[in-house]
Protein backbone atom coordinates (compact mmCIF):
# COMPACT_ATOMS: atom_id res chain seq x y z
CA MET A 1 184.42 -91.21 -45.07
CA LYS A 2 188.16 -91.29 -45.77
CA ILE A 3 188.29 -87.48 -45.92
CA ILE A 4 186.71 -87.18 -42.46
CA GLY A 5 189.41 -89.46 -41.06
CA ILE A 6 192.14 -87.37 -42.69
CA ILE A 7 190.61 -84.15 -41.32
CA LEU A 8 190.33 -85.56 -37.78
CA TYR A 9 193.85 -86.96 -37.94
CA THR A 10 195.21 -83.59 -39.09
CA ILE A 11 193.38 -81.72 -36.32
CA ILE A 12 194.67 -84.11 -33.66
CA ILE A 13 198.28 -83.98 -34.92
CA LEU A 14 198.18 -80.17 -35.04
CA ALA A 15 196.69 -79.96 -31.56
CA ILE A 16 199.36 -82.30 -30.21
CA SER A 17 202.03 -80.10 -31.83
CA ARG A 18 200.94 -77.27 -29.51
CA ILE A 19 200.82 -79.46 -26.41
CA ILE A 20 204.10 -81.39 -26.58
CA PRO A 21 207.22 -79.54 -25.42
CA HIS A 22 208.54 -77.28 -28.16
CA PRO A 23 210.25 -73.91 -28.54
CA PRO A 24 207.74 -71.04 -28.11
CA ASN A 25 205.69 -70.44 -31.27
CA PHE A 26 207.41 -73.27 -33.16
CA THR A 27 204.49 -75.34 -34.45
CA PRO A 28 203.15 -76.28 -37.91
CA ILE A 29 199.70 -74.74 -37.40
CA LEU A 30 200.43 -71.44 -39.15
CA ALA A 31 201.99 -73.32 -42.07
CA ILE A 32 198.82 -75.40 -42.37
CA ALA A 33 196.72 -72.23 -42.32
CA VAL A 34 198.83 -70.95 -45.23
CA THR A 35 199.02 -74.10 -47.35
CA LEU A 36 195.77 -75.97 -46.72
CA PRO A 37 193.47 -73.50 -48.52
CA MET A 38 195.72 -73.75 -51.59
CA ILE A 39 196.01 -77.53 -51.39
CA THR A 40 192.30 -78.20 -50.92
CA ASN A 41 191.00 -75.19 -52.85
CA ASP A 42 188.38 -75.04 -50.10
CA LYS A 43 188.21 -71.99 -47.84
CA ALA A 44 186.04 -73.73 -45.25
CA ILE A 45 188.35 -76.71 -44.75
CA GLY A 46 191.43 -74.50 -44.98
CA THR A 47 190.09 -72.24 -42.25
CA VAL A 48 188.30 -74.66 -39.95
CA ILE A 49 191.03 -77.29 -39.54
CA PRO A 50 193.61 -74.92 -38.00
CA LEU A 51 190.90 -73.32 -35.82
CA PHE A 52 189.70 -76.67 -34.48
CA ALA A 53 193.29 -77.71 -33.78
CA ILE A 54 193.92 -74.52 -31.83
CA PHE A 55 190.63 -74.87 -29.95
CA LEU A 56 191.29 -78.51 -29.09
CA SER A 57 194.73 -77.68 -27.72
CA ASP A 58 193.36 -74.61 -25.89
CA ILE A 59 190.94 -76.91 -24.07
CA LEU A 60 193.95 -78.81 -22.74
CA ILE A 61 196.38 -75.88 -22.32
CA GLY A 62 193.79 -73.50 -20.95
CA PHE A 63 191.85 -70.55 -22.24
CA TYR A 64 193.24 -67.01 -22.12
CA SER A 65 191.80 -63.52 -22.38
CA TYR A 66 193.19 -62.62 -25.81
CA MET A 67 192.52 -65.92 -27.59
CA ILE A 68 189.96 -64.30 -29.89
CA TRP A 69 192.85 -62.39 -31.47
CA ILE A 70 194.72 -65.64 -32.15
CA TYR A 71 191.65 -67.14 -33.83
CA LEU A 72 191.02 -63.93 -35.78
CA SER A 73 194.58 -63.92 -37.12
CA PHE A 74 194.19 -67.51 -38.34
CA ILE A 75 190.90 -66.70 -40.06
CA VAL A 76 192.51 -63.73 -41.83
CA ILE A 77 195.55 -65.80 -42.84
CA SER A 78 193.57 -68.79 -44.14
CA LEU A 79 191.11 -66.68 -46.09
CA SER A 80 193.91 -64.51 -47.50
CA SER A 81 195.72 -67.62 -48.64
CA TYR A 82 192.56 -68.91 -50.31
CA PHE A 83 191.62 -65.66 -52.06
CA LEU A 84 195.07 -64.33 -52.94
CA LEU A 85 196.99 -67.44 -53.90
CA ARG A 86 195.50 -69.65 -56.54
CA ARG A 87 198.72 -71.42 -57.53
CA PHE A 88 200.57 -73.79 -55.25
CA ASN A 89 204.15 -72.87 -56.09
CA LEU A 90 207.33 -72.19 -54.14
CA LEU A 91 207.24 -68.41 -54.45
CA ASN A 92 203.60 -68.16 -53.33
CA ILE A 93 204.26 -70.44 -50.36
CA ALA A 94 207.32 -68.47 -49.25
CA VAL A 95 205.69 -65.05 -49.65
CA MET A 96 202.44 -66.06 -47.98
CA SER A 97 204.34 -67.74 -45.14
CA LEU A 98 206.23 -64.53 -44.41
CA ALA A 99 203.11 -62.39 -44.81
CA SER A 100 201.16 -64.68 -42.48
CA CYS A 101 203.86 -64.30 -39.82
CA LEU A 102 203.51 -60.53 -40.09
CA VAL A 103 199.71 -60.72 -39.79
CA PHE A 104 200.00 -63.10 -36.83
CA PHE A 105 202.54 -60.84 -35.12
CA VAL A 106 200.54 -57.62 -35.58
CA VAL A 107 197.12 -59.04 -34.70
CA THR A 108 198.05 -61.28 -31.78
CA ASN A 109 200.34 -58.80 -30.08
CA PHE A 110 197.73 -56.08 -30.43
CA GLY A 111 195.39 -58.56 -28.76
CA PHE A 112 197.89 -59.14 -25.98
CA TRP A 113 198.20 -55.37 -25.50
CA THR A 114 194.43 -55.21 -24.94
CA THR A 115 194.93 -57.26 -21.76
CA GLY A 116 196.56 -54.20 -20.19
CA TYR A 117 199.73 -56.05 -19.23
CA TYR A 118 201.91 -53.23 -20.61
CA GLY A 119 199.36 -50.49 -19.95
CA TYR A 120 196.73 -49.02 -22.24
CA THR A 121 199.06 -46.43 -23.76
CA PHE A 122 200.81 -46.10 -27.09
CA ASN A 123 204.09 -46.83 -25.28
CA GLY A 124 202.50 -49.98 -23.88
CA LEU A 125 201.55 -51.07 -27.40
CA ILE A 126 205.09 -50.49 -28.64
CA ILE A 127 206.49 -52.44 -25.66
CA ALA A 128 204.09 -55.30 -26.43
CA TYR A 129 205.46 -55.50 -29.97
CA ILE A 130 209.09 -55.20 -28.88
CA MET A 131 208.72 -57.91 -26.24
CA ALA A 132 207.21 -60.24 -28.86
CA ILE A 133 210.14 -60.05 -31.28
CA PRO A 134 211.93 -63.16 -29.91
CA PHE A 135 208.73 -65.17 -30.38
CA ALA A 136 208.37 -63.84 -33.93
CA THR A 137 211.70 -65.39 -34.87
CA ASN A 138 210.40 -68.86 -34.03
CA THR A 139 207.12 -68.15 -35.80
CA ILE A 140 208.94 -67.18 -38.99
CA LEU A 141 211.34 -70.12 -38.86
CA SER A 142 208.65 -72.70 -38.13
CA THR A 143 206.19 -71.35 -40.67
CA LEU A 144 208.79 -71.29 -43.43
CA LEU A 145 210.17 -74.70 -42.46
CA TYR A 146 206.80 -76.45 -42.28
CA SER A 147 205.32 -74.67 -45.31
CA LEU A 148 208.31 -75.58 -47.46
CA LEU A 149 208.29 -79.11 -46.09
CA ILE A 150 204.62 -79.46 -47.06
CA TYR A 151 205.37 -78.01 -50.48
CA PHE A 152 208.29 -80.35 -51.20
CA ILE A 153 206.47 -83.43 -49.89
CA LEU A 154 203.50 -82.72 -52.16
CA LYS A 155 205.73 -81.96 -55.13
CA SER A 156 207.75 -85.14 -54.58
CA LYS A 157 204.49 -87.12 -54.58
CA GLU A 158 203.96 -86.01 -58.18
CA ARG A 159 207.19 -87.79 -59.14
CA ILE A 160 206.15 -91.16 -57.72
CA PRO A 161 205.40 -93.67 -60.48
CA ALA A 162 201.69 -94.18 -61.18
CA LYS A 163 201.71 -97.80 -59.97
CA PHE A 164 202.68 -96.60 -56.47
CA GLN A 165 200.25 -93.62 -56.39
CA ARG A 166 197.45 -95.80 -54.99
CA ILE A 167 199.41 -96.05 -51.72
CA PHE A 168 198.89 -92.30 -51.20
CA ASN A 169 195.27 -92.13 -52.34
C-alpha cells in the first residue's frame, strides 16, 4: 500500500510542476522519465508515472491537437532508459538526459508541425524546429538539473548510517 501512495504522490507533484508558473519547458517530468525506469527497474512504472502526470496536468491545462506526440516521446524515452541503461551512474544519467532532450525535441516539434501552423512543407518543418530552439534550452537545463539532483539525492541516501535508513524506507 505504501508504494501506491508514493506513486500517487509522485504523479501529483509532477502534474503540479506543469501547472504552477515556471519557465517554458522547465519541469522535472522528463528527468523522471529518464531516471525512474533505472531506479525502479520496472518499465511499466517508469513509463506510466510520467504519462499519468502529463495527462493529469493536461486535464487542467487543456488538451491540444499534437499531444499524442508528447506522450509518444515520453514512451520512447522511458522505454529507452529502461532497455539501454541498466546501471544508475552519473555518466548514464547525463547521456540519457541529453539524448532524451533530443528525442523530445525531434518528436514533439514534428508533432507541432503536423498541426499546419508553419505550413505542410519542408520549409515549414525546418521553421518549426528553428522556432523551438529557445524552448529546447530550458528542456536541456531542466532535464540535466533534475536528473542530476535525483542522482545525487539517491547516492547521498546510500551514505546515511544504517540506524537512520528506516526514516527513508
